[in-house]
Amino acid sequence: MPAEGVLRALRHVWITLEPLNRPMAVLGGIALASWKHVRATRDVDLLLNIGKNDPHRVLGLLRAAGIRIKHDPPITSFGKLDLVELLYEPPEAFVELQIDLLLAASAYHEQALKRRIATRLPDLDVEIAVLSCEDMILHKLLAGRIIDRADAAALLRANRESLDCDYLLYWTKALELRAAWTEVWIEAFPEQPPPDVP
């Protein structure tokens, strides 16, 4: 499970953003544990649909809660996804932890947030939401780093029987992830051909 400081940072940013009453979900290393894949993580990753809220209003809310914006300008765009990198030092932690806030605007990310799963993590006294396992896999394929591909393969192995393959195949095609999907499937199940992307 994540270290205590990471969970304290997650709790703080979650409670700070809750008054917006907008869909949000934890993704990244913290959420992996909800899907039978535990690995150490030192940051918090959140996907948030701000709707009609001004991004600068959201950033003002975070600043007022002692969460520092890492870069100026604060928002970096990647296609239809905006990323804000933040820093927060939990009380008595003596170290700043990174919080990556992804501001969703694409049809895929809106769908992923509709499918989020409410959960409680051990050692965390607030209910949060995490992305579904299928959306965690898709997010990892989109991120594309070596560690993300390894996470996606581990999620496939651990959750294969319960996955909605039709959903995965639909979005694999829509997001142009066929090559990444095939590679990760072969890593997870080297003896079996991947399901075809229609």
C-alpha atoms as a PDB file:
ATOM      1  CA  MET A   1       0.000   0.000   0.000  1.00  0.00           C
ATOM      2  CA  PRO A   2       1.101   3.611  -0.415  1.00  0.00           C
ATOM      3  CA  ALA A   3       3.161   5.216   2.317  1.00  0.00           C
ATOM      4  CA  GLU A   4       1.356   7.190   5.021  1.00  0.00           C
ATOM      5  CA  GLY A   5       2.462  10.554   3.602  1.00  0.00           C
ATOM      6  CA  VAL A   6       1.067   9.710   0.164  1.00  0.00           C
ATOM      7  CA  LEU A   7      -2.290   8.745   1.694  1.00  0.00           C
ATOM      8  CA  ARG A   8      -2.346  11.968   3.712  1.00  0.00           C
ATOM      9  CA  ALA A   9      -1.691  13.953   0.525  1.00  0.00           C
ATOM     10  CA  LEU A  10      -4.461  12.043  -1.263  1.00  0.00           C
ATOM     11  CA  ARG A  11      -6.903  12.688   1.583  1.00  0.00           C
ATOM     12  CA  HIS A  12      -6.077  16.404   1.612  1.00  0.00           C
ATOM     13  CA  VAL A  13      -6.457  16.966  -2.128  1.00  0.00           C
ATOM     14  CA  TRP A  14      -9.605  14.790  -2.279  1.00  0.00           C
ATOM     15  CA  ILE A  15     -11.333  16.754   0.497  1.00  0.00           C
ATOM     16  CA  THR A  16     -10.191  20.020  -1.082  1.00  0.00           C
ATOM     17  CA  LEU A  17     -11.725  19.146  -4.465  1.00  0.00           C
ATOM     18  CA  GLU A  18     -14.923  17.463  -3.200  1.00  0.00           C
ATOM     19  CA  PRO A  19     -16.855  20.755  -2.835  1.00  0.00           C
ATOM     20  CA  LEU A  20     -16.645  21.177  -6.635  1.00  0.00           C
ATOM     21  CA  ASN A  21     -19.084  18.236  -6.836  1.00  0.00           C
ATOM     22  CA  ARG A  22     -17.453  17.056 -10.059  1.00  0.00           C
ATOM     23  CA  PRO A  23     -16.539  13.504 -11.123  1.00  0.00           C
ATOM     24  CA  MET A  24     -13.034  12.533 -10.039  1.00  0.00           C
ATOM     25  CA  ALA A  25     -11.105   9.326  -9.562  1.00  0.00           C
ATOM     26  CA  VAL A  26      -7.738   8.165  -8.323  1.00  0.00           C
ATOM     27  CA  LEU A  27      -5.515   6.509 -10.885  1.00  0.00           C
ATOM     28  CA  GLY A  28      -1.835   5.610 -10.981  1.00  0.00           C
ATOM     29  CA  GLY A  29       0.015   3.645  -8.334  1.00  0.00           C
ATOM     30  CA  ILE A  30      -2.496   4.161  -5.516  1.00  0.00           C
ATOM     31  CA  ALA A  31      -5.400   2.768  -7.560  1.00  0.00           C
ATOM     32  CA  LEU A  32      -3.474  -0.332  -8.643  1.00  0.00           C
ATOM     33  CA  ALA A  33      -3.929  -1.884  -5.207  1.00  0.00           C
ATOM     34  CA  SER A  34      -7.706  -1.883  -5.719  1.00  0.00           C
ATOM     35  CA  TRP A  35      -7.162  -4.212  -8.687  1.00  0.00           C
ATOM     36  CA  LYS A  36      -4.847  -6.818  -7.109  1.00  0.00           C
ATOM     37  CA  HIS A  37      -1.574  -5.208  -8.159  1.00  0.00           C
ATOM     38  CA  VAL A  38       0.397  -3.546  -5.398  1.00  0.00           C
ATOM     39  CA  ARG A  39       3.499  -1.496  -6.022  1.00  0.00           C
ATOM     40  CA  ALA A  40       5.181   1.365  -4.232  1.00  0.00           C
ATOM     41  CA  THR A  41       4.264   4.878  -5.285  1.00  0.00           C
ATOM     42  CA  ARG A  42       5.396   8.300  -4.130  1.00  0.00           C
ATOM     43  CA  ASP A  43       2.786  10.508  -5.770  1.00  0.00           C
ATOM     44  CA  VAL A  44      -0.949  11.036  -6.165  1.00  0.00           C
ATOM     45  CA  ASP A  45      -2.662  10.919  -9.565  1.00  0.00           C
ATOM     46  CA  LEU A  46      -6.219  12.210  -9.965  1.00  0.00           C
ATOM     47  CA  LEU A  47      -8.495  12.495 -12.989  1.00  0.00           C
ATOM     48  CA  LEU A  48     -11.011  15.329 -12.635  1.00  0.00           C
ATOM     49  CA  ASN A  49     -13.729  16.576 -14.957  1.00  0.00           C
ATOM     50  CA  ILE A  50     -14.083  20.234 -14.041  1.00  0.00           C
ATOM     51  CA  GLY A  51     -17.097  20.760 -16.308  1.00  0.00           C
ATOM     52  CA  LYS A  52     -17.858  24.452 -16.692  1.00  0.00           C
ATOM     53  CA  ASN A  53     -15.610  25.459 -13.812  1.00  0.00           C
ATOM     54  CA  ASP A  54     -12.777  27.789 -14.718  1.00  0.00           C
ATOM     55  CA  PRO A  55      -9.490  25.873 -14.293  1.00  0.00           C
ATOM     56  CA  HIS A  56      -8.055  28.895 -12.496  1.00  0.00           C
ATOM     57  CA  ARG A  57     -10.861  28.706  -9.910  1.00  0.00           C
ATOM     58  CA  VAL A  58      -9.865  25.085  -9.283  1.00  0.00           C
ATOM     59  CA  LEU A  59      -6.216  26.105  -8.958  1.00  0.00           C
ATOM     60  CA  GLY A  60      -7.192  28.870  -6.536  1.00  0.00           C
ATOM     61  CA  LEU A  61      -9.008  26.322  -4.380  1.00  0.00           C
ATOM     62  CA  LEU A  62      -5.892  24.147  -4.313  1.00  0.00           C
ATOM     63  CA  ARG A  63      -3.587  27.083  -3.501  1.00  0.00           C
ATOM     64  CA  ALA A  64      -5.842  28.110  -0.610  1.00  0.00           C
ATOM     65  CA  ALA A  65      -5.450  24.582   0.789  1.00  0.00           C
ATOM     66  CA  GLY A  66      -1.646  24.825   0.777  1.00  0.00           C
ATOM     67  CA  ILE A  67      -1.168  22.819  -2.412  1.00  0.00           C
ATOM     68  CA  ARG A  68       1.512  24.487  -4.519  1.00  0.00           C
ATOM     69  CA  ILE A  69       1.539  24.664  -8.301  1.00  0.00           C
ATOM     70  CA  LYS A  70       4.824  23.313  -9.624  1.00  0.00           C
ATOM     71  CA  HIS A  71       5.094  25.179 -12.962  1.00  0.00           C
ATOM     72  CA  ASP A  72       4.166  28.498 -14.524  1.00  0.00           C
ATOM     73  CA  PRO A  73       2.059  28.409 -16.616  1.00  0.00           C
ATOM     74  CA  PRO A  74       0.367  25.747 -14.478  1.00  0.00           C
ATOM     75  CA  ILE A  75      -1.445  23.779 -17.198  1.00  0.00           C
ATOM     76  CA  THR A  76       0.329  21.582 -19.742  1.00  0.00           C
ATOM     77  CA  SER A  77      -1.818  20.258 -22.607  1.00  0.00           C
ATOM     78  CA  PHE A  78      -1.545  16.792 -24.136  1.00  0.00           C
ATOM     79  CA  GLY A  79      -4.198  16.601 -26.854  1.00  0.00           C
ATOM     80  CA  LYS A  80      -7.549  16.732 -25.070  1.00  0.00           C
ATOM     81  CA  LEU A  81      -6.026  16.224 -21.656  1.00  0.00           C
ATOM     82  CA  ASP A  82      -4.644  19.025 -19.496  1.00  0.00           C
ATOM     83  CA  LEU A  83      -2.155  18.214 -16.737  1.00  0.00           C
ATOM     84  CA  VAL A  84      -1.405  20.286 -13.649  1.00  0.00           C
ATOM     85  CA  GLU A  85       1.582  19.225 -11.545  1.00  0.00           C
ATOM     86  CA  LEU A  86       1.215  20.152  -7.894  1.00  0.00           C
ATOM     87  CA  LEU A  87       3.271  19.816  -4.721  1.00  0.00           C
ATOM     88  CA  TYR A  88       2.019  19.312  -1.173  1.00  0.00           C
ATOM     89  CA  GLU A  89       3.875  18.808   2.091  1.00  0.00           C
ATOM     90  CA  PRO A  90       1.687  16.993   4.629  1.00  0.00           C
ATOM     91  CA  PRO A  91       2.125  18.308   8.181  1.00  0.00           C
ATOM     92  CA  GLU A  92       5.236  16.890   9.844  1.00  0.00           C
ATOM     93  CA  ALA A  93       6.172  14.943   6.696  1.00  0.00           C
ATOM     94  CA  PHE A  94       9.117  17.270   5.893  1.00  0.00           C
ATOM     95  CA  VAL A  95       8.952  16.303   2.230  1.00  0.00           C
ATOM     96  CA  GLU A  96       6.887  17.597  -0.677  1.00  0.00           C
ATOM     97  CA  LEU A  97       4.843  15.019  -2.527  1.00  0.00           C
ATOM     98  CA  GLN A  98       3.772  15.377  -6.131  1.00  0.00           C
ATOM     99  CA  ILE A  99       0.118  15.446  -7.101  1.00  0.00           C
ATOM    100  CA  ASP A 100      -0.687  15.122 -10.803  1.00  0.00           C
ATOM    101  CA  LEU A 101      -4.131  16.484 -11.608  1.00  0.00           C
ATOM    102  CA  LEU A 102      -5.450  15.465 -15.025  1.00  0.00           C
ATOM    103  CA  LEU A 103      -8.293  17.673 -16.252  1.00  0.00           C
ATOM    104  CA  ALA A 104     -10.438  15.502 -18.490  1.00  0.00           C
ATOM    105  CA  ALA A 105     -12.307  16.819 -21.500  1.00  0.00           C
ATOM    106  CA  SER A 106     -12.305  13.928 -24.000  1.00  0.00           C
ATOM    107  CA  ALA A 107     -15.234  11.562 -24.517  1.00  0.00           C
ATOM    108  CA  TYR A 108     -13.081   8.676 -23.321  1.00  0.00           C
ATOM    109  CA  HIS A 109     -12.104  10.322 -20.024  1.00  0.00           C
ATOM    110  CA  GLU A 110     -15.697  11.374 -19.374  1.00  0.00           C
ATOM    111  CA  GLN A 111     -16.765   7.748 -19.903  1.00  0.00           C
ATOM    112  CA  ALA A 112     -13.993   6.499 -17.638  1.00  0.00           C
ATOM    113  CA  LEU A 113     -15.170   8.809 -14.863  1.00  0.00           C
ATOM    114  CA  LYS A 114     -18.752   7.569 -15.255  1.00  0.00           C
ATOM    115  CA  ARG A 115     -17.440   4.043 -14.612  1.00  0.00           C
ATOM    116  CA  ARG A 116     -15.379   4.953 -11.534  1.00  0.00           C
ATOM    117  CA  ILE A 117     -15.688   2.695  -8.491  1.00  0.00           C
ATOM    118  CA  ALA A 118     -16.228   3.988  -4.948  1.00  0.00           C
ATOM    119  CA  THR A 119     -13.849   2.374  -2.476  1.00  0.00           C
ATOM    120  CA  ARG A 120     -12.099   2.698   0.848  1.00  0.00           C
ATOM    121  CA  LEU A 121      -8.388   2.123   1.157  1.00  0.00           C
ATOM    122  CA  PRO A 122      -6.834   0.707   4.319  1.00  0.00           C
ATOM    123  CA  ASP A 123      -5.520   3.524   6.530  1.00  0.00           C
ATOM    124  CA  LEU A 124      -7.646   6.147   4.733  1.00  0.00           C
ATOM    125  CA  ASP A 125     -10.710   7.436   6.587  1.00  0.00           C
ATOM    126  CA  VAL A 126     -12.547   8.903   3.582  1.00  0.00           C
ATOM    127  CA  GLU A 127     -14.268   7.177   0.702  1.00  0.00           C
ATOM    128  CA  ILE A 128     -12.638   7.807  -2.650  1.00  0.00           C
ATOM    129  CA  ALA A 129     -13.220   6.571  -6.182  1.00  0.00           C
ATOM    130  CA  VAL A 130     -10.785   4.750  -8.444  1.00  0.00           C
ATOM    131  CA  LEU A 131     -10.901   4.099 -12.156  1.00  0.00           C
ATOM    132  CA  SER A 132     -12.306   0.719 -13.182  1.00  0.00           C
ATOM    133  CA  CYS A 133      -9.739  -1.960 -13.928  1.00  0.00           C
ATOM    134  CA  GLU A 134     -10.443  -1.666 -17.679  1.00  0.00           C
ATOM    135  CA  ASP A 135      -9.872   2.081 -17.549  1.00  0.00           C
ATOM    136  CA  MET A 136      -6.711   1.627 -15.513  1.00  0.00           C
ATOM    137  CA  ILE A 137      -5.418  -0.661 -18.279  1.00  0.00           C
ATOM    138  CA  LEU A 138      -6.372   1.848 -20.977  1.00  0.00           C
ATOM    139  CA  HIS A 139      -4.817   4.711 -19.031  1.00  0.00           C
ATOM    140  CA  LYS A 140      -1.607   2.728 -18.666  1.00  0.00           C
ATOM    141  CA  LEU A 141      -1.570   2.017 -22.413  1.00  0.00           C
ATOM    142  CA  LEU A 142      -2.076   5.725 -23.122  1.00  0.00           C
ATOM    143  CA  ALA A 143       0.766   6.689 -20.760  1.00  0.00           C
ATOM    144  CA  GLY A 144       3.065   4.260 -22.554  1.00  0.00           C
ATOM    145  CA  ARG A 145       6.089   4.220 -20.252  1.00  0.00           C
ATOM    146  CA  ILE A 146       7.808   0.897 -19.513  1.00  0.00           C
ATOM    147  CA  ILE A 147       6.417   0.853 -15.962  1.00  0.00           C
ATOM    148  CA  ASP A 148       2.922   1.609 -17.316  1.00  0.00           C
ATOM    149  CA  ARG A 149       3.119  -1.297 -19.770  1.00  0.00           C
ATOM    150  CA  ALA A 150       4.261  -3.590 -16.943  1.00  0.00           C
ATOM    151  CA  ASP A 151       1.356  -2.389 -14.774  1.00  0.00           C
ATOM    152  CA  ALA A 152      -1.121  -3.011 -17.607  1.00  0.00           C
ATOM    153  CA  ALA A 153       0.169  -6.565 -18.069  1.00  0.00           C
ATOM    154  CA  ALA A 154      -0.051  -7.213 -14.323  1.00  0.00           C
ATOM    155  CA  LEU A 155      -3.642  -5.909 -14.254  1.00  0.00           C
ATOM    156  CA  LEU A 156      -4.561  -8.185 -17.157  1.00  0.00           C
ATOM    157  CA  ARG A 157      -3.087 -11.233 -15.415  1.00  0.00           C
ATOM    158  CA  ALA A 158      -4.685 -10.493 -12.033  1.00  0.00           C
ATOM    159  CA  ASN A 159      -8.159  -9.554 -13.298  1.00  0.00           C
ATOM    160  CA  ARG A 160      -8.627 -11.401 -16.578  1.00  0.00           C
ATOM    161  CA  GLU A 161     -11.788 -13.298 -15.576  1.00  0.00           C
ATOM    162  CA  SER A 162     -13.686 -10.176 -14.531  1.00  0.00           C
ATOM    163  CA  LEU A 163     -12.652  -7.772 -17.325  1.00  0.00           C
ATOM    164  CA  ASP A 164     -15.163  -6.340 -19.792  1.00  0.00           C
ATOM    165  CA  CYS A 165     -13.252  -7.278 -22.957  1.00  0.00           C
ATOM    166  CA  ASP A 166     -15.793  -5.660 -25.294  1.00  0.00           C
ATOM    167  CA  TYR A 167     -15.246  -2.329 -23.548  1.00  0.00           C
ATOM    168  CA  LEU A 168     -11.471  -2.758 -23.662  1.00  0.00           C
ATOM    169  CA  LEU A 169     -11.479  -3.660 -27.349  1.00  0.00           C
ATOM    170  CA  TYR A 170     -13.824  -0.791 -28.260  1.00  0.00           C
ATOM    171  CA  TRP A 171     -11.631   1.837 -26.618  1.00  0.00           C
ATOM    172  CA  THR A 172      -8.400   0.198 -27.753  1.00  0.00           C
ATOM    173  CA  LYS A 173      -9.601   0.800 -31.297  1.00  0.00           C
ATOM    174  CA  ALA A 174     -11.066   4.265 -30.639  1.00  0.00           C
ATOM    175  CA  LEU A 175      -7.886   5.458 -28.917  1.00  0.00           C
ATOM    176  CA  GLU A 176      -5.591   3.905 -31.546  1.00  0.00           C
ATOM    177  CA  LEU A 177      -3.901   1.628 -29.033  1.00  0.00           C
ATOM    178  CA  ARG A 178      -3.922  -1.625 -31.004  1.00  0.00           C
ATOM    179  CA  ALA A 179      -0.142  -2.055 -31.077  1.00  0.00           C
ATOM    180  CA  ALA A 180       0.220  -1.266 -27.370  1.00  0.00           C
ATOM    181  CA  TRP A 181      -2.677  -3.609 -26.510  1.00  0.00           C
ATOM    182  CA  THR A 182      -1.128  -6.467 -28.488  1.00  0.00           C
ATOM    183  CA  GLU A 183       2.287  -5.950 -26.878  1.00  0.00           C
ATOM    184  CA  VAL A 184       0.899  -5.885 -23.338  1.00  0.00           C
ATOM    185  CA  TRP A 185      -1.369  -8.893 -23.931  1.00  0.00           C
ATOM    186  CA  ILE A 186       1.588 -10.937 -25.195  1.00  0.00           C
ATOM    187  CA  GLU A 187       3.599  -9.897 -22.140  1.00  0.00           C
ATOM    188  CA  ALA A 188       0.741 -11.002 -19.863  1.00  0.00           C
ATOM    189  CA  PHE A 189      -0.175 -14.204 -21.746  1.00  0.00           C
ATOM    190  CA  PRO A 190       2.716 -15.230 -24.034  1.00  0.00           C
ATOM    191  CA  GLU A 191       1.050 -18.510 -25.039  1.00  0.00           C
ATOM    192  CA  GLN A 192      -2.267 -16.995 -26.124  1.00  0.00           C
ATOM    193  CA  PRO A 193      -3.090 -14.701 -29.042  1.00  0.00           C
ATOM    194  CA  PRO A 194      -4.683 -11.376 -28.045  1.00  0.00           C
ATOM    195  CA  PRO A 195      -8.399 -10.822 -28.626  1.00  0.00           C
ATOM    196  CA  ASP A 196      -8.883  -9.102 -31.964  1.00  0.00           C
ATOM    197  CA  VAL A 197      -9.566  -5.399 -32.032  1.00  0.00           C
ATOM    198  CA  PRO A 198     -12.571  -5.037 -34.367  1.00  0.00           C
END
